[in-house]
Amino acid sequence: MAPPYELSPREADAYLARIGAVRPRRADADALRELQHRHLLAVPFENLSVHLGEEVVLSEDRLVAKVVDAHRGGFCYELNGAFAALLRALGFRVTLHQARVFGKGGRLGMPFDHLTLRVETADGSGPWLADVGFGDHARFPLLLDERAEQTDPSGVFRVVEGLDHGDLDVLRDGTPELRVDLRPRELAEFVAACWYHRTSPSSHFTASLVCSRFTAEGRVTLSGRKLVTTVHGQREERMLDGDGEVLDAYREHFALVLGEVPRAAVFPDVRAGAAEV
């Protein structure tokens, strides 16, 4: 395997400042919990690059620059790829893993559908499943070897043996969400899946815009012109009026200063084209 990208102390401090965290004294479980929670509160899960025509490059230095310098978010490959670099710089041992997402009806997505992290801590309490790139998921890391229920502000989670040999399924409130392959991976192995998700007409990332993050009281999501806020379980939806209001919402709720309003990309119906040939 190629050696992972190493953040300098200055880069790590800038990353910590981006998420409103302080450098932990020790790379232990408490520090990991704090870092994941801070990351989820500060850095949005968003697919705006897909619709703004921006290139997505899966290299740790580019991902960290996007999150820290450009003050942006991203989707799983970007967010967990950058978070892994930060954790390593702080003394955690991190392994990348591919996961498949359970969709409607329990149907599994494709391999490398999702990137998640296995983290070992200095206190020997793990290993932990850490994830800042799955949208509305666990706020805190989950114990990988624990088979009992794990209570989180986002619900009750369980990690169970998957049907595929050596895989683990992550359940939330009894519903399967992820199937995690425990074989170690490199970031470069996710390039093809990332390309699919940002270019295919069949990808849910090309079908709609999303920008979302946790808040102290719940969650805030901007999808196109629809702003959804959830506070202590109470959901409220509002349609925004005009580009100015949309740009203000990106700035107010996600600290994103955009030069233009992202608009859902239009992708040709390749299946229809194939049928005509």
Protein backbone atom coordinates (compact mmCIF):
# COMPACT_ATOMS: atom_id res chain seq x y z
CA MET A 1 0.00 0.00 0.00
CA ALA A 2 1.12 3.55 -0.68
CA PRO A 3 2.00 5.56 2.45
CA PRO A 4 -0.90 7.80 3.53
CA TYR A 5 -0.67 11.56 3.24
CA GLU A 6 0.70 13.18 6.39
CA LEU A 7 -0.67 16.51 7.61
CA SER A 8 1.87 18.91 9.04
CA PRO A 9 1.22 20.21 12.58
CA ARG A 10 0.19 23.54 11.05
CA GLU A 11 -2.28 21.83 8.68
CA ALA A 12 -3.70 19.77 11.54
CA ASP A 13 -4.18 22.89 13.66
CA ALA A 14 -5.98 24.62 10.79
CA TYR A 15 -8.25 21.58 10.38
CA LEU A 16 -9.01 21.58 14.12
CA ALA A 17 -9.85 25.28 13.95
CA ARG A 18 -12.17 24.57 11.00
CA ILE A 19 -14.24 22.16 13.11
CA GLY A 20 -13.99 24.16 16.33
CA ALA A 21 -11.92 21.58 18.18
CA VAL A 22 -8.74 21.71 20.23
CA ARG A 23 -5.77 19.38 19.81
CA PRO A 24 -6.40 16.39 22.10
CA ARG A 25 -3.78 15.45 24.65
CA ARG A 26 -4.18 11.79 23.79
CA ALA A 27 -5.65 9.88 20.86
CA ASP A 28 -8.22 8.12 23.02
CA ALA A 29 -11.93 7.29 22.66
CA ASP A 30 -13.11 10.53 24.26
CA ALA A 31 -11.03 12.55 21.80
CA LEU A 32 -12.39 10.55 18.86
CA ARG A 33 -15.97 11.12 20.01
CA GLU A 34 -15.36 14.85 20.33
CA LEU A 35 -13.65 15.12 16.93
CA GLN A 36 -16.40 13.24 15.09
CA HIS A 37 -19.13 15.27 16.76
CA ARG A 38 -17.39 18.58 16.05
CA HIS A 39 -16.82 17.58 12.43
CA LEU A 40 -20.49 16.72 11.92
CA LEU A 41 -21.58 20.05 13.41
CA ALA A 42 -19.18 22.15 11.32
CA VAL A 43 -18.67 20.45 7.95
CA PRO A 44 -21.74 19.79 5.78
CA PHE A 45 -22.49 16.70 3.80
CA GLU A 46 -22.98 18.16 0.33
CA ASN A 47 -22.82 17.24 -3.35
CA LEU A 48 -22.57 20.75 -4.76
CA SER A 49 -19.40 20.00 -6.73
CA VAL A 50 -21.38 17.59 -8.89
CA HIS A 51 -23.73 20.37 -9.96
CA LEU A 52 -21.21 23.21 -10.08
CA GLY A 53 -19.03 21.30 -12.52
CA GLU A 54 -16.15 21.09 -10.03
CA GLU A 55 -13.63 18.27 -10.23
CA VAL A 56 -13.55 15.82 -7.31
CA VAL A 57 -10.01 14.52 -6.78
CA LEU A 58 -9.53 11.68 -4.29
CA SER A 59 -6.17 12.59 -2.83
CA GLU A 60 -5.87 13.45 0.85
CA ASP A 61 -4.14 16.78 0.28
CA ARG A 62 -6.86 17.96 -2.13
CA LEU A 63 -9.64 16.75 0.17
CA VAL A 64 -8.17 18.47 3.21
CA ALA A 65 -7.70 21.67 1.18
CA LYS A 66 -11.36 21.58 0.15
CA VAL A 67 -12.61 21.14 3.72
CA VAL A 68 -10.16 23.49 5.42
CA ASP A 69 -8.98 26.10 2.91
CA ALA A 70 -12.10 26.29 0.72
CA HIS A 71 -14.36 25.91 3.77
CA ARG A 72 -16.51 23.37 1.94
CA GLY A 73 -18.01 19.98 2.67
CA GLY A 74 -18.42 16.97 0.41
CA PHE A 75 -19.76 13.44 0.29
CA CYS A 76 -18.41 10.27 1.90
CA TYR A 77 -15.19 9.79 -0.07
CA GLU A 78 -14.21 13.39 0.50
CA LEU A 79 -15.27 13.83 4.12
CA ASN A 80 -14.03 10.53 5.50
CA GLY A 81 -10.90 10.74 3.35
CA ALA A 82 -10.04 14.12 4.85
CA PHE A 83 -11.07 13.08 8.38
CA ALA A 84 -8.77 10.04 8.17
CA ALA A 85 -5.83 12.34 7.43
CA LEU A 86 -6.65 14.49 10.47
CA LEU A 87 -7.01 11.49 12.78
CA ARG A 88 -3.67 10.04 11.68
CA ALA A 89 -1.97 13.39 12.32
CA LEU A 90 -3.34 13.31 15.87
CA GLY A 91 -2.03 9.84 16.62
CA PHE A 92 -4.97 7.58 15.79
CA ARG A 93 -4.52 4.43 13.70
CA VAL A 94 -6.97 4.57 10.80
CA THR A 95 -7.97 2.05 8.16
CA LEU A 96 -10.24 2.80 5.18
CA HIS A 97 -13.03 0.34 4.39
CA GLN A 98 -15.56 0.05 1.63
CA ALA A 99 -19.23 -0.37 2.48
CA ARG A 100 -22.44 -0.97 0.59
CA VAL A 101 -25.52 1.07 1.46
CA PHE A 102 -28.88 -0.58 2.05
CA GLY A 103 -31.55 1.13 -0.04
CA LYS A 104 -35.31 0.78 -0.27
CA GLY A 105 -36.57 -2.71 0.37
CA GLY A 106 -33.22 -3.73 1.83
CA ARG A 107 -31.54 -3.72 -1.58
CA LEU A 108 -27.77 -3.37 -1.35
CA GLY A 109 -25.90 -0.75 -3.33
CA MET A 110 -22.80 -1.43 -5.36
CA PRO A 111 -19.36 -2.23 -3.87
CA PHE A 112 -17.42 0.87 -2.82
CA ASP A 113 -20.74 2.69 -2.51
CA HIS A 114 -19.47 4.26 0.70
CA LEU A 115 -16.16 4.89 2.46
CA THR A 116 -16.02 4.47 6.22
CA LEU A 117 -13.23 4.35 8.83
CA ARG A 118 -11.94 1.83 11.34
CA VAL A 119 -10.10 3.68 14.11
CA GLU A 120 -7.87 2.34 16.86
CA THR A 121 -7.26 4.52 19.90
CA ALA A 122 -4.41 4.86 22.37
CA ASP A 123 -6.56 3.61 25.26
CA GLY A 124 -7.25 0.30 23.51
CA SER A 125 -11.01 0.74 23.78
CA GLY A 126 -11.86 0.06 20.14
CA PRO A 127 -11.72 -0.61 17.34
CA TRP A 128 -14.27 2.05 16.45
CA LEU A 129 -16.32 2.70 13.32
CA ALA A 130 -15.99 6.43 12.73
CA ASP A 131 -17.97 8.19 10.01
CA VAL A 132 -18.48 11.86 9.13
CA GLY A 133 -19.69 11.21 5.58
CA PHE A 134 -23.00 9.38 5.76
CA GLY A 135 -25.38 12.29 6.30
CA ASP A 136 -27.95 11.56 9.00
CA HIS A 137 -26.17 8.75 10.82
CA ALA A 138 -24.58 8.19 14.24
CA ARG A 139 -23.25 11.31 15.89
CA PHE A 140 -20.58 9.35 17.74
CA PRO A 141 -18.30 6.45 16.75
CA LEU A 142 -19.62 2.90 17.15
CA LEU A 143 -17.75 -0.02 18.68
CA LEU A 144 -17.04 -2.48 15.88
CA ASP A 145 -16.71 -5.54 18.12
CA GLU A 146 -19.79 -4.81 20.24
CA ARG A 147 -22.88 -6.84 19.28
CA ALA A 148 -25.26 -5.33 21.83
CA GLU A 149 -27.28 -2.17 21.20
CA GLN A 150 -25.36 1.11 21.16
CA THR A 151 -27.42 4.17 22.03
CA ASP A 152 -26.68 7.37 20.14
CA PRO A 153 -28.57 10.69 19.86
CA SER A 154 -29.50 9.60 16.32
CA GLY A 155 -31.00 6.28 17.38
CA VAL A 156 -30.16 2.81 18.62
CA PHE A 157 -27.41 1.13 16.58
CA ARG A 158 -26.24 -2.46 16.37
CA VAL A 159 -23.27 -3.99 14.59
CA VAL A 160 -23.99 -7.59 13.56
CA GLU A 161 -22.40 -10.27 11.42
CA GLY A 162 -23.37 -9.77 7.77
CA LEU A 163 -24.55 -12.48 5.40
CA ASP A 164 -21.35 -12.12 3.39
CA HIS A 165 -18.45 -13.85 5.12
CA GLY A 166 -16.35 -11.39 7.11
CA ASP A 167 -18.67 -8.42 6.59
CA LEU A 168 -20.52 -6.49 9.29
CA ASP A 169 -23.96 -4.92 9.01
CA VAL A 170 -24.74 -1.66 10.80
CA LEU A 171 -28.38 -1.36 11.86
CA ARG A 172 -30.17 1.76 13.04
CA ASP A 173 -33.37 1.24 15.03
CA GLY A 174 -33.50 -2.28 13.62
CA THR A 175 -33.11 -1.27 9.97
CA PRO A 176 -29.89 -2.20 8.10
CA GLU A 177 -28.00 0.84 6.83
CA LEU A 178 -24.49 -0.31 5.88
CA ARG A 179 -22.64 -3.54 5.08
CA VAL A 180 -18.97 -2.99 5.89
CA ASP A 181 -16.20 -5.02 4.25
CA LEU A 182 -13.41 -5.34 6.83
CA ARG A 183 -10.58 -5.70 4.30
CA PRO A 184 -8.29 -2.62 4.39
CA ARG A 185 -8.54 -0.32 1.36
CA GLU A 186 -6.68 2.61 -0.16
CA LEU A 187 -8.30 5.87 -1.19
CA ALA A 188 -7.43 5.23 -4.84
CA GLU A 189 -9.70 2.16 -4.82
CA PHE A 190 -12.74 4.43 -4.45
CA VAL A 191 -12.04 6.50 -7.57
CA ALA A 192 -14.28 4.50 -9.91
CA ALA A 193 -17.25 4.56 -7.52
CA CYS A 194 -16.76 8.28 -6.93
CA TRP A 195 -16.73 8.89 -10.68
CA TYR A 196 -19.96 6.89 -11.03
CA HIS A 197 -21.74 8.82 -8.28
CA ARG A 198 -20.83 12.21 -9.71
CA THR A 199 -21.50 11.42 -13.39
CA SER A 200 -24.10 8.67 -13.79
CA PRO A 201 -27.74 9.58 -14.52
CA SER A 202 -28.61 6.65 -12.24
CA SER A 203 -26.78 8.11 -9.24
CA HIS A 204 -28.85 9.82 -6.55
CA PHE A 205 -26.11 12.45 -6.30
CA THR A 206 -26.71 13.64 -9.87
CA ALA A 207 -30.48 13.55 -9.42
CA SER A 208 -30.70 16.25 -6.76
CA LEU A 209 -28.84 18.86 -4.76
CA VAL A 210 -28.19 18.38 -1.06
CA CYS A 211 -26.36 20.30 1.63
CA SER A 212 -26.92 19.10 5.18
CA ARG A 213 -25.34 19.08 8.63
CA PHE A 214 -26.12 18.28 12.23
CA THR A 215 -26.94 21.11 14.63
CA ALA A 216 -26.92 21.10 18.41
CA GLU A 217 -30.72 20.74 18.37
CA GLY A 218 -31.21 18.54 15.30
CA ARG A 219 -30.40 19.00 11.63
CA VAL A 220 -30.59 21.53 8.80
CA THR A 221 -30.79 20.60 5.11
CA LEU A 222 -30.99 22.67 1.95
CA SER A 223 -32.12 20.72 -1.11
CA GLY A 224 -32.45 23.00 -4.10
CA ARG A 225 -34.69 25.76 -2.78
CA LYS A 226 -36.26 23.70 0.03
CA LEU A 227 -34.89 24.42 3.50
CA VAL A 228 -35.64 21.75 6.10
CA THR A 229 -34.88 22.32 9.77
CA THR A 230 -35.40 19.76 12.51
CA VAL A 231 -35.29 20.98 16.12
CA HIS A 232 -35.79 18.44 18.92
CA GLY A 233 -37.65 16.17 16.53
CA GLN A 234 -39.92 18.87 15.10
CA ARG A 235 -39.51 19.20 11.33
CA GLU A 236 -40.22 22.39 9.39
CA GLU A 237 -40.00 22.90 5.62
CA ARG A 238 -39.81 26.22 3.79
CA MET A 239 -39.40 27.06 0.10
CA LEU A 240 -36.92 29.88 -0.43
CA ASP A 241 -37.77 32.74 -2.77
CA GLY A 242 -35.14 33.88 -5.23
CA ASP A 243 -31.42 33.29 -5.69
CA GLY A 244 -30.49 35.82 -3.03
CA GLU A 245 -32.39 33.96 -0.34
CA VAL A 246 -30.82 30.66 -1.39
CA LEU A 247 -27.30 32.10 -1.25
CA ASP A 248 -28.08 33.64 2.14
CA ALA A 249 -29.21 30.21 3.41
CA TYR A 250 -25.98 28.57 2.27
CA ARG A 251 -24.02 31.27 4.06
CA GLU A 252 -26.13 31.36 7.25
CA HIS A 253 -26.61 27.64 7.82
CA PHE A 254 -23.46 26.14 6.27
CA ALA A 255 -20.94 29.01 6.18
CA LEU A 256 -20.67 28.47 2.42
CA VAL A 257 -20.05 31.61 0.39
CA LEU A 258 -20.99 30.73 -3.18
CA GLY A 259 -20.68 32.88 -6.26
CA GLU A 260 -23.72 31.30 -7.88
CA VAL A 261 -26.71 29.23 -6.91
CA PRO A 262 -26.04 25.54 -7.62
CA ARG A 263 -28.61 24.10 -9.98
CA ALA A 264 -29.31 20.43 -10.54
CA ALA A 265 -27.27 19.20 -13.48
CA VAL A 266 -29.11 17.86 -16.49
CA PHE A 267 -27.83 14.48 -17.61
CA PRO A 268 -28.82 12.84 -20.90
CA ASP A 269 -30.94 9.72 -20.76
CA VAL A 270 -28.28 7.29 -21.93
CA ARG A 271 -30.71 4.40 -21.90
CA ALA A 272 -33.00 6.17 -24.37
CA GLY A 273 -30.02 6.94 -26.59
CA ALA A 274 -28.93 3.32 -26.52
CA ALA A 275 -32.42 2.19 -27.48
CA GLU A 276 -32.34 4.35 -30.62
CA VAL A 277 -29.09 2.88 -31.92
